[in-house]
Amino acid sequence: GRGVECAIAKNPDMELGAVFTRRDPASISIKTEGVKVYSYNEIKDF
């Protein structure tokens, strides 16, 4: 997941929309500013 985040940042036609985790989303800190981490249970909302 961390590698994908880096790969997205290097591709000019891509943007990170959301990160989903089965852990507590509050425990996850990502590098992309302005993007939220959500519970896996919320994924169908997207």
PDB file of all heavy atoms in Angstrom:
ATOM      1  N   GLY A   1       0.811  -1.210   0.000  1.00  0.00           N
ATOM      2  CA  GLY A   1       0.000   0.000   0.000  1.00  0.00           C
ATOM      3  C   GLY A   1       0.844   1.259   0.000  1.00  0.00           C
ATOM      4  O   GLY A   1       0.567   2.220  -0.742  1.00  0.00           O
ATOM      5  N   ARG A   2       1.899   1.251   0.809  1.00  0.00           N
ATOM      6  CA  ARG A   2       2.794   2.415   0.833  1.00  0.00           C
ATOM      7  C   ARG A   2       3.502   2.583  -0.508  1.00  0.00           C
ATOM      8  O   ARG A   2       3.711   3.703  -0.987  1.00  0.00           O
ATOM      9  CB  ARG A   2       3.813   2.268   1.972  1.00  0.00           C
ATOM     10  CG  ARG A   2       3.192   2.462   3.349  1.00  0.00           C
ATOM     11  CD  ARG A   2       4.258   2.509   4.432  1.00  0.00           C
ATOM     12  NE  ARG A   2       4.890   1.213   4.649  1.00  0.00           N
ATOM     13  CZ  ARG A   2       4.437   0.298   5.496  1.00  0.00           C
ATOM     14  NH1 ARG A   2       3.332   0.530   6.201  1.00  0.00           N
ATOM     15  NH2 ARG A   2       5.070  -0.858   5.651  1.00  0.00           N
ATOM     16  N   GLY A   3       3.869   1.454  -1.128  1.00  0.00           N
ATOM     17  CA  GLY A   3       4.504   1.521  -2.437  1.00  0.00           C
ATOM     18  C   GLY A   3       3.573   2.066  -3.504  1.00  0.00           C
ATOM     19  O   GLY A   3       3.988   2.847  -4.371  1.00  0.00           O
ATOM     20  N   VAL A   4       2.307   1.664  -3.470  1.00  0.00           N
ATOM     21  CA  VAL A   4       1.334   2.178  -4.432  1.00  0.00           C
ATOM     22  C   VAL A   4       1.181   3.687  -4.281  1.00  0.00           C
ATOM     23  O   VAL A   4       1.105   4.421  -5.272  1.00  0.00           O
ATOM     24  CB  VAL A   4      -0.034   1.477  -4.268  1.00  0.00           C
ATOM     25  CG1 VAL A   4      -1.103   2.196  -5.093  1.00  0.00           C
ATOM     26  CG2 VAL A   4       0.048   0.023  -4.695  1.00  0.00           C
ATOM     27  N   GLU A   5       1.147   4.158  -3.033  1.00  0.00           N
ATOM     28  CA  GLU A   5       1.028   5.598  -2.813  1.00  0.00           C
ATOM     29  C   GLU A   5       2.191   6.343  -3.482  1.00  0.00           C
ATOM     30  O   GLU A   5       1.992   7.382  -4.134  1.00  0.00           O
ATOM     31  CB  GLU A   5       0.981   5.908  -1.320  1.00  0.00           C
ATOM     32  CG  GLU A   5       0.739   7.383  -1.034  1.00  0.00           C
ATOM     33  CD  GLU A   5       0.742   7.707   0.452  1.00  0.00           C
ATOM     34  OE1 GLU A   5       1.240   6.878   1.259  1.00  0.00           O
ATOM     35  OE2 GLU A   5       0.251   8.792   0.812  1.00  0.00           O
ATOM     36  N   CYS A   6       3.406   5.814  -3.350  1.00  0.00           N
ATOM     37  CA  CYS A   6       4.568   6.435  -3.999  1.00  0.00           C
ATOM     38  C   CYS A   6       4.452   6.363  -5.517  1.00  0.00           C
ATOM     39  O   CYS A   6       4.782   7.334  -6.222  1.00  0.00           O
ATOM     40  CB  CYS A   6       5.855   5.734  -3.563  1.00  0.00           C
ATOM     41  SG  CYS A   6       6.271   5.943  -1.826  1.00  0.00           S
ATOM     42  N   ALA A   7       3.977   5.231  -6.030  1.00  0.00           N
ATOM     43  CA  ALA A   7       3.857   5.059  -7.484  1.00  0.00           C
ATOM     44  C   ALA A   7       2.840   6.037  -8.065  1.00  0.00           C
ATOM     45  O   ALA A   7       3.061   6.614  -9.145  1.00  0.00           O
ATOM     46  CB  ALA A   7       3.463   3.623  -7.811  1.00  0.00           C
ATOM     47  N   ILE A   8       1.731   6.231  -7.377  1.00  0.00           N
ATOM     48  CA  ILE A   8       0.711   7.173  -7.849  1.00  0.00           C
ATOM     49  C   ILE A   8       1.310   8.572  -7.962  1.00  0.00           C
ATOM     50  O   ILE A   8       1.060   9.298  -8.936  1.00  0.00           O
ATOM     51  CB  ILE A   8      -0.505   7.161  -6.903  1.00  0.00           C
ATOM     52  CG1 ILE A   8      -1.256   5.835  -7.032  1.00  0.00           C
ATOM     53  CG2 ILE A   8      -1.442   8.335  -7.189  1.00  0.00           C
ATOM     54  CD1 ILE A   8      -2.337   5.629  -5.979  1.00  0.00           C
ATOM     55  N   ALA A   9       2.128   8.950  -6.982  1.00  0.00           N
ATOM     56  CA  ALA A   9       2.719  10.288  -6.977  1.00  0.00           C
ATOM     57  C   ALA A   9       3.664  10.510  -8.161  1.00  0.00           C
ATOM     58  O   ALA A   9       3.904  11.651  -8.564  1.00  0.00           O
ATOM     59  CB  ALA A   9       3.462  10.525  -5.666  1.00  0.00           C
ATOM     60  N   LYS A  10       4.194   9.421  -8.742  1.00  0.00           N
ATOM     61  CA  LYS A  10       5.145   9.549  -9.849  1.00  0.00           C
ATOM     62  C   LYS A  10       4.464   9.479 -11.218  1.00  0.00           C
ATOM     63  O   LYS A  10       5.126   9.630 -12.256  1.00  0.00           O
ATOM     64  CB  LYS A  10       6.215   8.462  -9.745  1.00  0.00           C
ATOM     65  CG  LYS A  10       7.143   8.653  -8.547  1.00  0.00           C
ATOM     66  CD  LYS A  10       8.258   7.640  -8.531  1.00  0.00           C
ATOM     67  CE  LYS A  10       9.182   7.851  -7.331  1.00  0.00           C
ATOM     68  NZ  LYS A  10       9.890   9.132  -7.376  1.00  0.00           N
ATOM     69  N   ASN A  11       3.160   9.239 -11.247  1.00  0.00           N
ATOM     70  CA  ASN A  11       2.441   9.129 -12.515  1.00  0.00           C
ATOM     71  C   ASN A  11       1.565  10.360 -12.712  1.00  0.00           C
ATOM     72  O   ASN A  11       0.661  10.617 -11.904  1.00  0.00           O
ATOM     73  CB  ASN A  11       1.579   7.866 -12.529  1.00  0.00           C
ATOM     74  CG  ASN A  11       2.400   6.621 -12.815  1.00  0.00           C
ATOM     75  OD1 ASN A  11       2.696   6.304 -13.959  1.00  0.00           O
ATOM     76  ND2 ASN A  11       2.797   5.914 -11.759  1.00  0.00           N
ATOM     77  N   PRO A  12       1.806  11.135 -13.786  1.00  0.00           N
ATOM     78  CA  PRO A  12       1.137  12.421 -13.928  1.00  0.00           C
ATOM     79  C   PRO A  12      -0.367  12.341 -14.163  1.00  0.00           C
ATOM     80  O   PRO A  12      -1.065  13.345 -13.993  1.00  0.00           O
ATOM     81  CB  PRO A  12       1.846  13.052 -15.147  1.00  0.00           C
ATOM     82  CG  PRO A  12       2.394  11.891 -15.910  1.00  0.00           C
ATOM     83  CD  PRO A  12       2.760  10.877 -14.889  1.00  0.00           C
ATOM     84  N   ASP A  13      -0.864  11.183 -14.565  1.00  0.00           N
ATOM     85  CA  ASP A  13      -2.299  11.063 -14.850  1.00  0.00           C
ATOM     86  C   ASP A  13      -3.061  10.362 -13.736  1.00  0.00           C
ATOM     87  O   ASP A  13      -4.191   9.918 -13.932  1.00  0.00           O
ATOM     88  CB  ASP A  13      -2.501  10.313 -16.169  1.00  0.00           C
ATOM     89  CG  ASP A  13      -1.921   8.905 -16.153  1.00  0.00           C
ATOM     90  OD1 ASP A  13      -1.021   8.641 -15.315  1.00  0.00           O
ATOM     91  OD2 ASP A  13      -2.350   8.072 -16.964  1.00  0.00           O
ATOM     92  N   MET A  14      -2.452  10.241 -12.540  1.00  0.00           N
ATOM     93  CA  MET A  14      -3.085   9.525 -11.430  1.00  0.00           C
ATOM     94  C   MET A  14      -3.200  10.398 -10.200  1.00  0.00           C
ATOM     95  O   MET A  14      -2.371  11.274  -9.963  1.00  0.00           O
ATOM     96  CB  MET A  14      -2.276   8.265 -11.072  1.00  0.00           C
ATOM     97  CG  MET A  14      -2.209   7.233 -12.158  1.00  0.00           C
ATOM     98  SD  MET A  14      -1.260   5.779 -11.643  1.00  0.00           S
ATOM     99  CE  MET A  14      -1.337   4.816 -13.154  1.00  0.00           C
ATOM    100  N   GLU A  15      -4.234  10.122  -9.401  1.00  0.00           N
ATOM    101  CA  GLU A  15      -4.366  10.760  -8.092  1.00  0.00           C
ATOM    102  C   GLU A  15      -4.917   9.748  -7.104  1.00  0.00           C
ATOM    103  O   GLU A  15      -5.687   8.856  -7.467  1.00  0.00           O
ATOM    104  CB  GLU A  15      -5.279  11.987  -8.159  1.00  0.00           C
ATOM    105  CG  GLU A  15      -6.700  11.705  -8.596  1.00  0.00           C
ATOM    106  CD  GLU A  15      -7.556  12.962  -8.587  1.00  0.00           C
ATOM    107  OE1 GLU A  15      -7.631  13.609  -7.521  1.00  0.00           O
ATOM    108  OE2 GLU A  15      -8.157  13.275  -9.633  1.00  0.00           O
ATOM    109  N   LEU A  16      -4.480   9.865  -5.873  1.00  0.00           N
ATOM    110  CA  LEU A  16      -4.969   8.994  -4.810  1.00  0.00           C
ATOM    111  C   LEU A  16      -6.287   9.546  -4.302  1.00  0.00           C
ATOM    112  O   LEU A  16      -6.373  10.704  -3.899  1.00  0.00           O
ATOM    113  CB  LEU A  16      -3.941   8.912  -3.676  1.00  0.00           C
ATOM    114  CG  LEU A  16      -4.331   8.061  -2.467  1.00  0.00           C
ATOM    115  CD1 LEU A  16      -4.599   6.612  -2.882  1.00  0.00           C
ATOM    116  CD2 LEU A  16      -3.242   8.107  -1.400  1.00  0.00           C
ATOM    117  N   GLY A  17      -7.327   8.708  -4.333  1.00  0.00           N
ATOM    118  CA  GLY A  17      -8.643   9.149  -3.889  1.00  0.00           C
ATOM    119  C   GLY A  17      -8.970   8.777  -2.466  1.00  0.00           C
ATOM    120  O   GLY A  17      -9.632   9.538  -1.753  1.00  0.00           O
ATOM    121  N   ALA A  18      -8.493   7.607  -2.012  1.00  0.00           N
ATOM    122  CA  ALA A  18      -8.806   7.141  -0.659  1.00  0.00           C
ATOM    123  C   ALA A  18      -7.935   5.934  -0.341  1.00  0.00           C
ATOM    124  O   ALA A  18      -7.468   5.231  -1.240  1.00  0.00           O
ATOM    125  CB  ALA A  18     -10.278   6.763  -0.534  1.00  0.00           C
ATOM    126  N   VAL A  19      -7.727   5.712   0.947  1.00  0.00           N
ATOM    127  CA  VAL A  19      -7.060   4.510   1.444  1.00  0.00           C
ATOM    128  C   VAL A  19      -8.038   3.795   2.358  1.00  0.00           C
ATOM    129  O   VAL A  19      -8.712   4.436   3.190  1.00  0.00           O
ATOM    130  CB  VAL A  19      -5.764   4.858   2.211  1.00  0.00           C
ATOM    131  CG1 VAL A  19      -5.170   3.612   2.858  1.00  0.00           C
ATOM    132  CG2 VAL A  19      -4.750   5.511   1.280  1.00  0.00           C
ATOM    133  N   PHE A  20      -8.127   2.470   2.233  1.00  0.00           N
ATOM    134  CA  PHE A  20      -9.039   1.675   3.047  1.00  0.00           C
ATOM    135  C   PHE A  20      -8.236   0.658   3.850  1.00  0.00           C
ATOM    136  O   PHE A  20      -7.300   0.043   3.339  1.00  0.00           O
ATOM    137  CB  PHE A  20     -10.066   0.956   2.166  1.00  0.00           C
ATOM    138  CG  PHE A  20     -10.878   1.889   1.316  1.00  0.00           C
ATOM    139  CD1 PHE A  20     -10.497   2.162   0.003  1.00  0.00           C
ATOM    140  CD2 PHE A  20     -12.002   2.517   1.821  1.00  0.00           C
ATOM    141  CE1 PHE A  20     -11.217   3.036  -0.790  1.00  0.00           C
ATOM    142  CE2 PHE A  20     -12.750   3.394   1.042  1.00  0.00           C
ATOM    143  CZ  PHE A  20     -12.354   3.656  -0.264  1.00  0.00           C
ATOM    144  N   THR A  21      -8.618   0.477   5.104  1.00  0.00           N
ATOM    145  CA  THR A  21      -7.865  -0.407   5.989  1.00  0.00           C
ATOM    146  C   THR A  21      -8.803  -1.174   6.898  1.00  0.00           C
ATOM    147  O   THR A  21      -9.903  -0.692   7.232  1.00  0.00           O
ATOM    148  CB  THR A  21      -6.858   0.390   6.837  1.00  0.00           C
ATOM    149  OG1 THR A  21      -6.123  -0.511   7.680  1.00  0.00           O
ATOM    150  CG2 THR A  21      -7.564   1.426   7.707  1.00  0.00           C
ATOM    151  N   ARG A  22      -8.372  -2.373   7.307  1.00  0.00           N
ATOM    152  CA  ARG A  22      -9.127  -3.136   8.318  1.00  0.00           C
ATOM    153  C   ARG A  22      -8.664  -2.783   9.723  1.00  0.00           C
ATOM    154  O   ARG A  22      -9.259  -3.213  10.695  1.00  0.00           O
ATOM    155  CB  ARG A  22      -8.966  -4.637   8.061  1.00  0.00           C
ATOM    156  CG  ARG A  22      -9.731  -5.104   6.829  1.00  0.00           C
ATOM    157  CD  ARG A  22      -9.563  -6.582   6.555  1.00  0.00           C
ATOM    158  NE  ARG A  22      -8.188  -6.912   6.188  1.00  0.00           N
ATOM    159  CZ  ARG A  22      -7.816  -8.075   5.668  1.00  0.00           C
ATOM    160  NH1 ARG A  22      -8.732  -9.007   5.438  1.00  0.00           N
ATOM    161  NH2 ARG A  22      -6.560  -8.319   5.361  1.00  0.00           N
ATOM    162  N   ARG A  23      -7.587  -1.993   9.802  1.00  0.00           N
ATOM    163  CA  ARG A  23      -7.153  -1.484  11.099  1.00  0.00           C
ATOM    164  C   ARG A  23      -7.952  -0.222  11.452  1.00  0.00           C
ATOM    165  O   ARG A  23      -8.790   0.230  10.671  1.00  0.00           O
ATOM    166  CB  ARG A  23      -5.648  -1.170  11.052  1.00  0.00           C
ATOM    167  CG  ARG A  23      -4.766  -2.403  10.942  1.00  0.00           C
ATOM    168  CD  ARG A  23      -3.297  -2.010  10.856  1.00  0.00           C
ATOM    169  NE  ARG A  23      -2.903  -1.618   9.496  1.00  0.00           N
ATOM    170  CZ  ARG A  23      -1.751  -1.052   9.200  1.00  0.00           C
ATOM    171  NH1 ARG A  23      -0.880  -0.759  10.171  1.00  0.00           N
ATOM    172  NH2 ARG A  23      -1.449  -0.742   7.950  1.00  0.00           N
ATOM    173  N   ASP A  24      -7.673   0.338  12.589  1.00  0.00           N
ATOM    174  CA  ASP A  24      -8.299   1.598  12.970  1.00  0.00           C
ATOM    175  C   ASP A  24      -7.780   2.687  12.033  1.00  0.00           C
ATOM    176  O   ASP A  24      -6.577   2.964  12.023  1.00  0.00           O
ATOM    177  CB  ASP A  24      -7.954   1.929  14.424  1.00  0.00           C
ATOM    178  CG  ASP A  24      -8.490   3.280  14.874  1.00  0.00           C
ATOM    179  OD1 ASP A  24      -9.237   3.922  14.108  1.00  0.00           O
ATOM    180  OD2 ASP A  24      -8.152   3.700  16.000  1.00  0.00           O
ATOM    181  N   PRO A  25      -8.648   3.343  11.240  1.00  0.00           N
ATOM    182  CA  PRO A  25      -8.162   4.371  10.307  1.00  0.00           C
ATOM    183  C   PRO A  25      -7.359   5.475  10.992  1.00  0.00           C
ATOM    184  O   PRO A  25      -6.433   6.032  10.390  1.00  0.00           O
ATOM    185  CB  PRO A  25      -9.452   4.923   9.691  1.00  0.00           C
ATOM    186  CG  PRO A  25     -10.432   3.802   9.802  1.00  0.00           C
ATOM    187  CD  PRO A  25     -10.094   3.113  11.093  1.00  0.00           C
ATOM    188  N   ALA A  26      -7.690   5.760  12.235  1.00  0.00           N
ATOM    189  CA  ALA A  26      -6.978   6.817  12.959  1.00  0.00           C
ATOM    190  C   ALA A  26      -5.527   6.445  13.235  1.00  0.00           C
ATOM    191  O   ALA A  26      -4.697   7.318  13.495  1.00  0.00           O
ATOM    192  CB  ALA A  26      -7.699   7.144  14.263  1.00  0.00           C
ATOM    193  N   SER A  27      -5.216   5.151  13.161  1.00  0.00           N
ATOM    194  CA  SER A  27      -3.844   4.702  13.440  1.00  0.00           C
ATOM    195  C   SER A  27      -2.955   4.753  12.203  1.00  0.00           C
ATOM    196  O   SER A  27      -1.762   4.504  12.285  1.00  0.00           O
ATOM    197  CB  SER A  27      -3.865   3.265  13.977  1.00  0.00           C
ATOM    198  OG  SER A  27      -4.231   2.340  12.952  1.00  0.00           O
ATOM    199  N   ILE A  28      -3.518   5.075  11.037  1.00  0.00           N
ATOM    200  CA  ILE A  28      -2.788   5.076   9.777  1.00  0.00           C
ATOM    201  C   ILE A  28      -2.446   6.501   9.376  1.00  0.00           C
ATOM    202  O   ILE A  28      -3.327   7.360   9.273  1.00  0.00           O
ATOM    203  CB  ILE A  28      -3.608   4.429   8.647  1.00  0.00           C
ATOM    204  CG1 ILE A  28      -4.066   3.020   9.044  1.00  0.00           C
ATOM    205  CG2 ILE A  28      -2.814   4.402   7.352  1.00  0.00           C
ATOM    206  CD1 ILE A  28      -2.963   2.028   9.218  1.00  0.00           C
ATOM    207  N   SER A  29      -1.170   6.752   9.149  1.00  0.00           N
ATOM    208  CA  SER A  29      -0.724   8.061   8.685  1.00  0.00           C
ATOM    209  C   SER A  29      -0.140   7.906   7.292  1.00  0.00           C
ATOM    210  O   SER A  29       0.837   7.182   7.096  1.00  0.00           O
ATOM    211  CB  SER A  29       0.328   8.638   9.641  1.00  0.00           C
ATOM    212  OG  SER A  29       0.821   9.867   9.154  1.00  0.00           O
ATOM    213  N   ILE A  30      -0.745   8.571   6.281  1.00  0.00           N
ATOM    214  CA  ILE A  30      -0.258   8.467   4.921  1.00  0.00           C
ATOM    215  C   ILE A  30       0.480   9.745   4.532  1.00  0.00           C
ATOM    216  O   ILE A  30       0.416  10.756   5.231  1.00  0.00           O
ATOM    217  CB  ILE A  30      -1.402   8.163   3.932  1.00  0.00           C
ATOM    218  CG1 ILE A  30      -2.353   9.359   3.814  1.00  0.00           C
ATOM    219  CG2 ILE A  30      -2.153   6.910   4.358  1.00  0.00           C
ATOM    220  CD1 ILE A  30      -3.413   9.173   2.728  1.00  0.00           C
ATOM    221  N   LYS A  31       1.175   9.699   3.396  1.00  0.00           N
ATOM    222  CA  LYS A  31       2.022  10.823   2.993  1.00  0.00           C
ATOM    223  C   LYS A  31       1.288  11.841   2.104  1.00  0.00           C
ATOM    224  O   LYS A  31       1.723  12.976   1.982  1.00  0.00           O
ATOM    225  CB  LYS A  31       3.255  10.298   2.253  1.00  0.00           C
ATOM    226  CG  LYS A  31       4.180   9.460   3.126  1.00  0.00           C
ATOM    227  CD  LYS A  31       5.414   9.048   2.353  1.00  0.00           C
ATOM    228  CE  LYS A  31       6.355   8.210   3.227  1.00  0.00           C
ATOM    229  NZ  LYS A  31       6.882   8.980   4.371  1.00  0.00           N
ATOM    230  N   THR A  32       0.203  11.437   1.471  1.00  0.00           N
ATOM    231  CA  THR A  32      -0.489  12.306   0.525  1.00  0.00           C
ATOM    232  C   THR A  32      -1.419  13.261   1.266  1.00  0.00           C
ATOM    233  O   THR A  32      -2.367  12.821   1.920  1.00  0.00           O
ATOM    234  CB  THR A  32      -1.296  11.471  -0.481  1.00  0.00           C
ATOM    235  OG1 THR A  32      -0.450  10.477  -1.071  1.00  0.00           O
ATOM    236  CG2 THR A  32      -1.878  12.360  -1.572  1.00  0.00           C
ATOM    237  N   GLU A  33      -1.152  14.532   1.136  1.00  0.00           N
ATOM    238  CA  GLU A  33      -1.964  15.523   1.839  1.00  0.00           C
ATOM    239  C   GLU A  33      -3.377  15.593   1.256  1.00  0.00           C
ATOM    240  O   GLU A  33      -3.584  15.485   0.049  1.00  0.00           O
ATOM    241  CB  GLU A  33      -1.312  16.901   1.746  1.00  0.00           C
ATOM    242  CG  GLU A  33       0.011  17.003   2.506  1.00  0.00           C
ATOM    243  CD  GLU A  33       0.584  18.412   2.468  1.00  0.00           C
ATOM    244  OE1 GLU A  33      -0.108  19.324   1.952  1.00  0.00           O
ATOM    245  OE2 GLU A  33       1.720  18.599   2.953  1.00  0.00           O
ATOM    246  N   GLY A  34      -4.347  15.776   2.146  1.00  0.00           N
ATOM    247  CA  GLY A  34      -5.722  15.972   1.723  1.00  0.00           C
ATOM    248  C   GLY A  34      -6.493  14.706   1.417  1.00  0.00           C
ATOM    249  O   GLY A  34      -7.651  14.771   0.986  1.00  0.00           O
ATOM    250  N   VAL A  35      -5.873  13.532   1.604  1.00  0.00           N
ATOM    251  CA  VAL A  35      -6.539  12.257   1.332  1.00  0.00           C
ATOM    252  C   VAL A  35      -6.806  11.551   2.657  1.00  0.00           C
ATOM    253  O   VAL A  35      -5.926  11.490   3.521  1.00  0.00           O
ATOM    254  CB  VAL A  35      -5.692  11.362   0.404  1.00  0.00           C
ATOM    255  CG1 VAL A  35      -6.347   9.995   0.219  1.00  0.00           C
ATOM    256  CG2 VAL A  35      -5.490  12.049  -0.939  1.00  0.00           C
ATOM    257  N   LYS A  36      -8.004  11.008   2.796  1.00  0.00           N
ATOM    258  CA  LYS A  36      -8.408  10.391   4.058  1.00  0.00           C
ATOM    259  C   LYS A  36      -8.231   8.870   4.023  1.00  0.00           C
ATOM    260  O   LYS A  36      -8.217   8.246   2.960  1.00  0.00           O
ATOM    261  CB  LYS A  36      -9.871  10.727   4.365  1.00  0.00           C
ATOM    262  CG  LYS A  36     -10.126  12.190   4.724  1.00  0.00           C
ATOM    263  CD  LYS A  36     -11.583  12.416   5.109  1.00  0.00           C
ATOM    264  CE  LYS A  36     -11.970  11.627   6.352  1.00  0.00           C
ATOM    265  NZ  LYS A  36     -13.371  11.905   6.775  1.00  0.00           N
ATOM    266  N   VAL A  37      -8.100   8.322   5.208  1.00  0.00           N
ATOM    267  CA  VAL A  37      -8.071   6.874   5.403  1.00  0.00           C
ATOM    268  C   VAL A  37      -9.421   6.450   5.962  1.00  0.00           C
ATOM    269  O   VAL A  37      -9.913   7.035   6.930  1.00  0.00           O
ATOM    270  CB  VAL A  37      -6.936   6.466   6.361  1.00  0.00           C
ATOM    271  CG1 VAL A  37      -6.918   4.945   6.537  1.00  0.00           C
ATOM    272  CG2 VAL A  37      -5.587   6.967   5.851  1.00  0.00           C
ATOM    273  N   TYR A  38     -10.019   5.421   5.355  1.00  0.00           N
ATOM    274  CA  TYR A  38     -11.349   4.966   5.739  1.00  0.00           C
ATOM    275  C   TYR A  38     -11.304   3.507   6.189  1.00  0.00           C
ATOM    276  O   TYR A  38     -10.402   2.751   5.822  1.00  0.00           O
ATOM    277  CB  TYR A  38     -12.318   5.080   4.563  1.00  0.00           C
ATOM    278  CG  TYR A  38     -12.508   6.477   4.043  1.00  0.00           C
ATOM    279  CD1 TYR A  38     -11.661   6.998   3.054  1.00  0.00           C
ATOM    280  CD2 TYR A  38     -13.534   7.294   4.517  1.00  0.00           C
ATOM    281  CE1 TYR A  38     -11.831   8.275   2.562  1.00  0.00           C
ATOM    282  CE2 TYR A  38     -13.717   8.576   4.031  1.00  0.00           C
ATOM    283  CZ  TYR A  38     -12.857   9.061   3.054  1.00  0.00           C
ATOM    284  OH  TYR A  38     -13.028  10.338   2.566  1.00  0.00           O
ATOM    285  N   SER A  39     -12.320   3.121   6.930  1.00  0.00           N
ATOM    286  CA  SER A  39     -12.482   1.715   7.284  1.00  0.00           C
ATOM    287  C   SER A  39     -12.847   0.914   6.037  1.00  0.00           C
ATOM    288  O   SER A  39     -13.574   1.398   5.152  1.00  0.00           O
ATOM    289  CB  SER A  39     -13.599   1.565   8.323  1.00  0.00           C
ATOM    290  OG  SER A  39     -13.988   0.205   8.444  1.00  0.00           O
ATOM    291  N   TYR A  40     -12.349  -0.303   5.974  1.00  0.00           N
ATOM    292  CA  TYR A  40     -12.701  -1.180   4.848  1.00  0.00           C
ATOM    293  C   TYR A  40     -14.214  -1.329   4.726  1.00  0.00           C
ATOM    294  O   TYR A  40     -14.749  -1.482   3.621  1.00  0.00           O
ATOM    295  CB  TYR A  40     -12.038  -2.546   5.030  1.00  0.00           C
ATOM    296  CG  TYR A  40     -12.359  -3.521   3.915  1.00  0.00           C
ATOM    297  CD1 TYR A  40     -11.705  -3.441   2.693  1.00  0.00           C
ATOM    298  CD2 TYR A  40     -13.326  -4.508   4.077  1.00  0.00           C
ATOM    299  CE1 TYR A  40     -12.003  -4.321   1.660  1.00  0.00           C
ATOM    300  CE2 TYR A  40     -13.635  -5.397   3.048  1.00  0.00           C
ATOM    301  CZ  TYR A  40     -12.970  -5.297   1.849  1.00  0.00           C
ATOM    302  OH  TYR A  40     -13.279  -6.165   0.824  1.00  0.00           O
ATOM    303  N   ASN A  41     -14.908  -1.259   5.845  1.00  0.00           N
ATOM    304  CA  ASN A  41     -16.366  -1.411   5.824  1.00  0.00           C
ATOM    305  C   ASN A  41     -17.073  -0.280   5.083  1.00  0.00           C
ATOM    306  O   ASN A  41     -18.256  -0.406   4.750  1.00  0.00           O
ATOM    307  CB  ASN A  41     -16.908  -1.498   7.254  1.00  0.00           C
ATOM    308  CG  ASN A  41     -16.388  -2.711   7.995  1.00  0.00           C
ATOM    309  OD1 ASN A  41     -16.167  -3.764   7.387  1.00  0.00           O
ATOM    310  ND2 ASN A  41     -16.181  -2.592   9.292  1.00  0.00           N
ATOM    311  N   GLU A  42     -16.360   0.817   4.810  1.00  0.00           N
ATOM    312  CA  GLU A  42     -16.956   1.958   4.112  1.00  0.00           C
ATOM    313  C   GLU A  42     -16.714   1.930   2.606  1.00  0.00           C
ATOM    314  O   GLU A  42     -17.162   2.821   1.878  1.00  0.00           O
ATOM    315  CB  GLU A  42     -16.398   3.273   4.673  1.00  0.00           C
ATOM    316  CG  GLU A  42     -16.658   3.506   6.154  1.00  0.00           C
ATOM    317  CD  GLU A  42     -16.003   4.787   6.656  1.00  0.00           C
ATOM    318  OE1 GLU A  42     -16.584   5.867   6.425  1.00  0.00           O
ATOM    319  OE2 GLU A  42     -14.908   4.686   7.254  1.00  0.00           O
ATOM    320  N   ILE A  43     -16.043   0.903   2.121  1.00  0.00           N
ATOM    321  CA  ILE A  43     -15.563   0.928   0.742  1.00  0.00           C
ATOM    322  C   ILE A  43     -16.694   0.962  -0.278  1.00  0.00           C
ATOM    323  O   ILE A  43     -16.592   1.620  -1.327  1.00  0.00           O
ATOM    324  CB  ILE A  43     -14.605  -0.268   0.498  1.00  0.00           C
ATOM    325  CG1 ILE A  43     -13.717   0.001  -0.714  1.00  0.00           C
ATOM    326  CG2 ILE A  43     -15.363  -1.572   0.361  1.00  0.00           C
ATOM    327  CD1 ILE A  43     -12.525  -0.944  -0.805  1.00  0.00           C
ATOM    328  N   LYS A  44     -17.811   0.297  -0.006  1.00  0.00           N
ATOM    329  CA  LYS A  44     -18.911   0.256  -0.971  1.00  0.00           C
ATOM    330  C   LYS A  44     -19.527   1.639  -1.168  1.00  0.00           C
ATOM    331  O   LYS A  44     -20.156   1.896  -2.207  1.00  0.00           O
ATOM    332  CB  LYS A  44     -19.976  -0.741  -0.508  1.00  0.00           C
ATOM    333  CG  LYS A  44     -19.503  -2.194  -0.459  1.00  0.00           C
ATOM    334  CD  LYS A  44     -19.154  -2.723  -1.830  1.00  0.00           C
ATOM    335  CE  LYS A  44     -18.649  -4.159  -1.789  1.00  0.00           C
ATOM    336  NZ  LYS A  44     -19.696  -5.141  -1.516  1.00  0.00           N
ATOM    337  N   ASP A  45     -19.340   2.545  -0.211  1.00  0.00           N
ATOM    338  CA  ASP A  45     -19.845   3.915  -0.357  1.00  0.00           C
ATOM    339  C   ASP A  45     -19.131   4.671  -1.471  1.00  0.00           C
ATOM    340  O   ASP A  45     -19.594   5.728  -1.908  1.00  0.00           O
ATOM    341  CB  ASP A  45     -19.681   4.701   0.955  1.00  0.00           C
ATOM    342  CG  ASP A  45     -20.493   4.109   2.095  1.00  0.00           C
ATOM    343  OD1 ASP A  45     -21.467   3.376   1.811  1.00  0.00           O
ATOM    344  OD2 ASP A  45     -20.137   4.359   3.265  1.00  0.00           O
ATOM    345  N   PHE A  46     -18.001   4.137  -1.935  1.00  0.00           N
ATOM    346  CA  PHE A  46     -17.199   4.823  -2.946  1.00  0.00           C
ATOM    347  C   PHE A  46     -17.442   4.288  -4.354  1.00  0.00           C
ATOM    348  O   PHE A  46     -16.757   4.677  -5.291  1.00  0.00           O
ATOM    349  CB  PHE A  46     -15.711   4.726  -2.584  1.00  0.00           C
ATOM    350  CG  PHE A  46     -15.312   5.624  -1.453  1.00  0.00           C
ATOM    351  CD1 PHE A  46     -15.592   5.280  -0.142  1.00  0.00           C
ATOM    352  CD2 PHE A  46     -14.681   6.839  -1.697  1.00  0.00           C
ATOM    353  CE1 PHE A  46     -15.244   6.112   0.917  1.00  0.00           C
ATOM    354  CE2 PHE A  46     -14.328   7.680  -0.652  1.00  0.00           C
ATOM    355  CZ  PHE A  46     -14.612   7.321   0.652  1.00  0.00           C
TER     356      PHE A  46
END
